[in-house]
N, C-alpha and C. Protein backbone atom coordinates (compact mmCIF):
# COMPACT_ATOMS: atom_id res chain seq x y z
N MET A 1 9.51 6.83 -9.21
CA MET A 1 8.05 6.88 -9.15
C MET A 1 7.63 8.32 -9.35
N THR A 2 6.71 8.52 -10.25
CA THR A 2 6.25 9.87 -10.49
C THR A 2 5.15 10.20 -9.48
N ALA A 3 5.26 11.34 -8.87
CA ALA A 3 4.29 11.75 -7.85
C ALA A 3 2.90 11.90 -8.45
N ALA A 4 2.83 12.38 -9.68
CA ALA A 4 1.53 12.62 -10.30
C ALA A 4 0.78 11.32 -10.58
N SER A 5 1.50 10.30 -11.05
CA SER A 5 0.83 9.06 -11.42
C SER A 5 0.81 8.05 -10.28
N GLY A 6 1.80 8.08 -9.40
CA GLY A 6 1.88 7.10 -8.34
C GLY A 6 2.33 5.74 -8.84
N LEU A 7 2.77 5.66 -10.09
CA LEU A 7 3.20 4.39 -10.67
C LEU A 7 4.63 4.07 -10.27
N ILE A 8 4.90 2.80 -10.10
CA ILE A 8 6.24 2.34 -9.80
C ILE A 8 6.93 2.08 -11.13
N ALA A 9 8.05 2.79 -11.36
CA ALA A 9 8.70 2.73 -12.66
C ALA A 9 9.89 1.77 -12.71
N GLY A 10 10.38 1.34 -11.56
CA GLY A 10 11.53 0.44 -11.59
C GLY A 10 12.03 0.06 -10.22
N VAL A 11 13.17 -0.59 -10.20
CA VAL A 11 13.77 -1.09 -8.96
C VAL A 11 14.09 0.06 -8.00
N THR A 12 14.52 1.18 -8.51
CA THR A 12 14.83 2.33 -7.66
C THR A 12 13.60 2.75 -6.86
N ASP A 13 12.45 2.76 -7.51
CA ASP A 13 11.21 3.12 -6.82
C ASP A 13 10.88 2.11 -5.73
N ILE A 14 11.05 0.83 -6.03
CA ILE A 14 10.76 -0.21 -5.04
C ILE A 14 11.69 -0.07 -3.84
N THR A 15 12.95 0.16 -4.09
CA THR A 15 13.92 0.34 -3.00
C THR A 15 13.53 1.53 -2.13
N GLN A 16 13.12 2.62 -2.75
CA GLN A 16 12.71 3.81 -2.01
C GLN A 16 11.46 3.52 -1.16
N ILE A 17 10.50 2.84 -1.72
CA ILE A 17 9.27 2.50 -1.00
C ILE A 17 9.58 1.61 0.20
N GLU A 18 10.46 0.64 0.01
CA GLU A 18 10.78 -0.32 1.07
C GLU A 18 11.59 0.29 2.21
N GLN A 19 12.09 1.49 2.03
CA GLN A 19 12.85 2.16 3.09
C GLN A 19 11.95 2.63 4.23
N VAL A 20 10.66 2.77 3.96
CA VAL A 20 9.71 3.23 4.97
C VAL A 20 9.01 2.01 5.56
N PRO A 21 9.20 1.74 6.87
CA PRO A 21 8.55 0.58 7.48
C PRO A 21 7.02 0.72 7.45
N LEU A 22 6.32 -0.41 7.39
CA LEU A 22 4.86 -0.38 7.37
C LEU A 22 4.29 0.35 8.58
N ALA A 23 4.91 0.17 9.73
CA ALA A 23 4.42 0.82 10.95
C ALA A 23 4.48 2.35 10.84
N ALA A 24 5.36 2.87 9.98
CA ALA A 24 5.50 4.32 9.83
C ALA A 24 4.54 4.88 8.78
N ARG A 25 3.82 4.02 8.10
CA ARG A 25 2.89 4.46 7.07
C ARG A 25 1.51 4.68 7.68
N SER A 26 0.74 5.51 7.04
CA SER A 26 -0.62 5.78 7.51
C SER A 26 -1.57 4.80 6.84
N LEU A 27 -1.55 3.55 7.31
CA LEU A 27 -2.36 2.50 6.70
C LEU A 27 -3.57 2.19 7.58
N PRO A 28 -4.69 1.84 6.98
CA PRO A 28 -5.86 1.45 7.76
C PRO A 28 -5.58 0.15 8.52
N GLN A 29 -6.26 -0.03 9.64
CA GLN A 29 -6.03 -1.19 10.48
C GLN A 29 -6.80 -2.43 10.02
N SER A 30 -7.73 -2.27 9.10
CA SER A 30 -8.52 -3.41 8.62
C SER A 30 -9.03 -3.12 7.21
N THR A 31 -9.52 -4.17 6.57
CA THR A 31 -10.12 -4.01 5.25
C THR A 31 -11.36 -3.13 5.34
N TYR A 32 -12.14 -3.31 6.40
CA TYR A 32 -13.33 -2.49 6.60
C TYR A 32 -12.95 -1.01 6.72
N GLU A 33 -11.90 -0.71 7.48
CA GLU A 33 -11.46 0.67 7.64
C GLU A 33 -10.98 1.25 6.31
N LEU A 34 -10.30 0.44 5.51
CA LEU A 34 -9.85 0.88 4.18
C LEU A 34 -11.05 1.24 3.31
N LEU A 35 -12.07 0.39 3.32
CA LEU A 35 -13.27 0.65 2.53
C LEU A 35 -14.03 1.86 3.05
N ARG A 36 -14.09 2.02 4.36
CA ARG A 36 -14.76 3.17 4.96
C ARG A 36 -14.07 4.47 4.53
N GLN A 37 -12.75 4.48 4.57
CA GLN A 37 -12.00 5.67 4.16
C GLN A 37 -12.20 5.96 2.67
N ALA A 38 -12.18 4.91 1.86
CA ALA A 38 -12.37 5.09 0.41
C ALA A 38 -13.76 5.62 0.11
N ALA A 39 -14.77 5.11 0.81
CA ALA A 39 -16.15 5.58 0.60
C ALA A 39 -16.28 7.04 1.02
N ALA A 40 -15.63 7.42 2.10
CA ALA A 40 -15.69 8.82 2.56
C ALA A 40 -15.01 9.75 1.54
N GLU A 41 -13.95 9.26 0.92
CA GLU A 41 -13.20 10.10 -0.01
C GLU A 41 -13.75 10.06 -1.44
N HIS A 42 -14.24 8.89 -1.86
CA HIS A 42 -14.61 8.72 -3.26
C HIS A 42 -16.08 8.44 -3.51
N GLY A 43 -16.84 8.08 -2.48
CA GLY A 43 -18.29 7.90 -2.55
C GLY A 43 -18.83 7.16 -3.74
N GLN A 44 -19.33 7.89 -4.72
CA GLN A 44 -20.01 7.29 -5.87
C GLN A 44 -19.08 6.86 -7.01
N ARG A 45 -17.78 7.05 -6.84
CA ARG A 45 -16.85 6.60 -7.89
C ARG A 45 -16.84 5.08 -7.96
N GLU A 46 -16.51 4.55 -9.13
CA GLU A 46 -16.46 3.11 -9.33
C GLU A 46 -15.36 2.48 -8.48
N ALA A 47 -15.74 1.48 -7.69
CA ALA A 47 -14.78 0.77 -6.87
C ALA A 47 -14.53 -0.63 -7.41
N LEU A 48 -15.57 -1.23 -7.97
CA LEU A 48 -15.47 -2.60 -8.46
C LEU A 48 -16.30 -2.72 -9.73
N VAL A 49 -15.64 -3.16 -10.80
CA VAL A 49 -16.32 -3.36 -12.08
C VAL A 49 -15.91 -4.74 -12.58
N PHE A 50 -16.90 -5.58 -12.87
CA PHE A 50 -16.56 -6.90 -13.41
C PHE A 50 -17.65 -7.42 -14.33
N VAL A 51 -17.22 -8.31 -15.22
CA VAL A 51 -18.12 -8.97 -16.15
C VAL A 51 -18.00 -10.46 -15.84
N PRO A 52 -19.01 -11.05 -15.20
CA PRO A 52 -18.90 -12.43 -14.72
C PRO A 52 -18.49 -13.46 -15.77
N LYS A 53 -19.05 -13.37 -16.97
CA LYS A 53 -18.74 -14.37 -17.99
C LYS A 53 -17.66 -13.89 -18.96
N GLY A 54 -17.28 -12.63 -18.88
CA GLY A 54 -16.23 -12.10 -19.73
C GLY A 54 -16.65 -11.84 -21.16
N SER A 55 -17.93 -11.85 -21.41
CA SER A 55 -18.45 -11.62 -22.76
C SER A 55 -18.52 -10.12 -23.04
N PRO A 56 -18.05 -9.68 -24.22
CA PRO A 56 -18.10 -8.26 -24.53
C PRO A 56 -19.53 -7.71 -24.62
N GLU A 57 -20.50 -8.58 -24.91
CA GLU A 57 -21.88 -8.14 -25.01
C GLU A 57 -22.55 -8.00 -23.63
N GLU A 58 -21.99 -8.64 -22.65
CA GLU A 58 -22.57 -8.65 -21.31
C GLU A 58 -22.31 -7.31 -20.60
N PRO A 59 -23.34 -6.71 -20.04
CA PRO A 59 -23.11 -5.46 -19.30
C PRO A 59 -22.36 -5.75 -18.00
N PRO A 60 -21.44 -4.87 -17.63
CA PRO A 60 -20.67 -5.11 -16.41
C PRO A 60 -21.50 -4.80 -15.16
N PHE A 61 -21.12 -5.45 -14.08
CA PHE A 61 -21.63 -5.08 -12.75
C PHE A 61 -20.70 -3.98 -12.25
N VAL A 62 -21.26 -2.88 -11.79
CA VAL A 62 -20.47 -1.75 -11.31
C VAL A 62 -20.94 -1.40 -9.90
N TYR A 63 -19.99 -1.37 -8.98
CA TYR A 63 -20.29 -1.03 -7.59
C TYR A 63 -19.46 0.18 -7.17
N SER A 64 -20.10 1.14 -6.56
CA SER A 64 -19.38 2.31 -6.04
C SER A 64 -18.82 1.97 -4.66
N TYR A 65 -17.97 2.85 -4.17
CA TYR A 65 -17.42 2.66 -2.81
C TYR A 65 -18.54 2.69 -1.79
N ASP A 66 -19.50 3.59 -1.97
CA ASP A 66 -20.64 3.68 -1.03
C ASP A 66 -21.43 2.37 -0.98
N VAL A 67 -21.69 1.79 -2.15
CA VAL A 67 -22.46 0.55 -2.23
C VAL A 67 -21.68 -0.59 -1.56
N LEU A 68 -20.39 -0.69 -1.83
CA LEU A 68 -19.59 -1.74 -1.21
C LEU A 68 -19.59 -1.61 0.32
N LEU A 69 -19.51 -0.39 0.79
CA LEU A 69 -19.49 -0.18 2.23
C LEU A 69 -20.82 -0.57 2.86
N SER A 70 -21.92 -0.33 2.16
CA SER A 70 -23.24 -0.60 2.74
C SER A 70 -23.66 -2.07 2.61
N ALA A 71 -22.94 -2.85 1.81
CA ALA A 71 -23.31 -4.26 1.60
C ALA A 71 -22.99 -5.12 2.81
């Protein structure tokens, strides 16, 4: 796994990741806490982008982390 990209490149990366128990990781305790942390760190960055009908002409719905947190 490359530190710069954070991408998992193969089985070796998965094995390395699985060596650290979940309890030893700094993970949020809930989905709300995860979103709160993301909003604090990323604010107006795009968090959710989707096109309901999948049409290329249709404008996407774009929600920032702040908007998701306030909903």
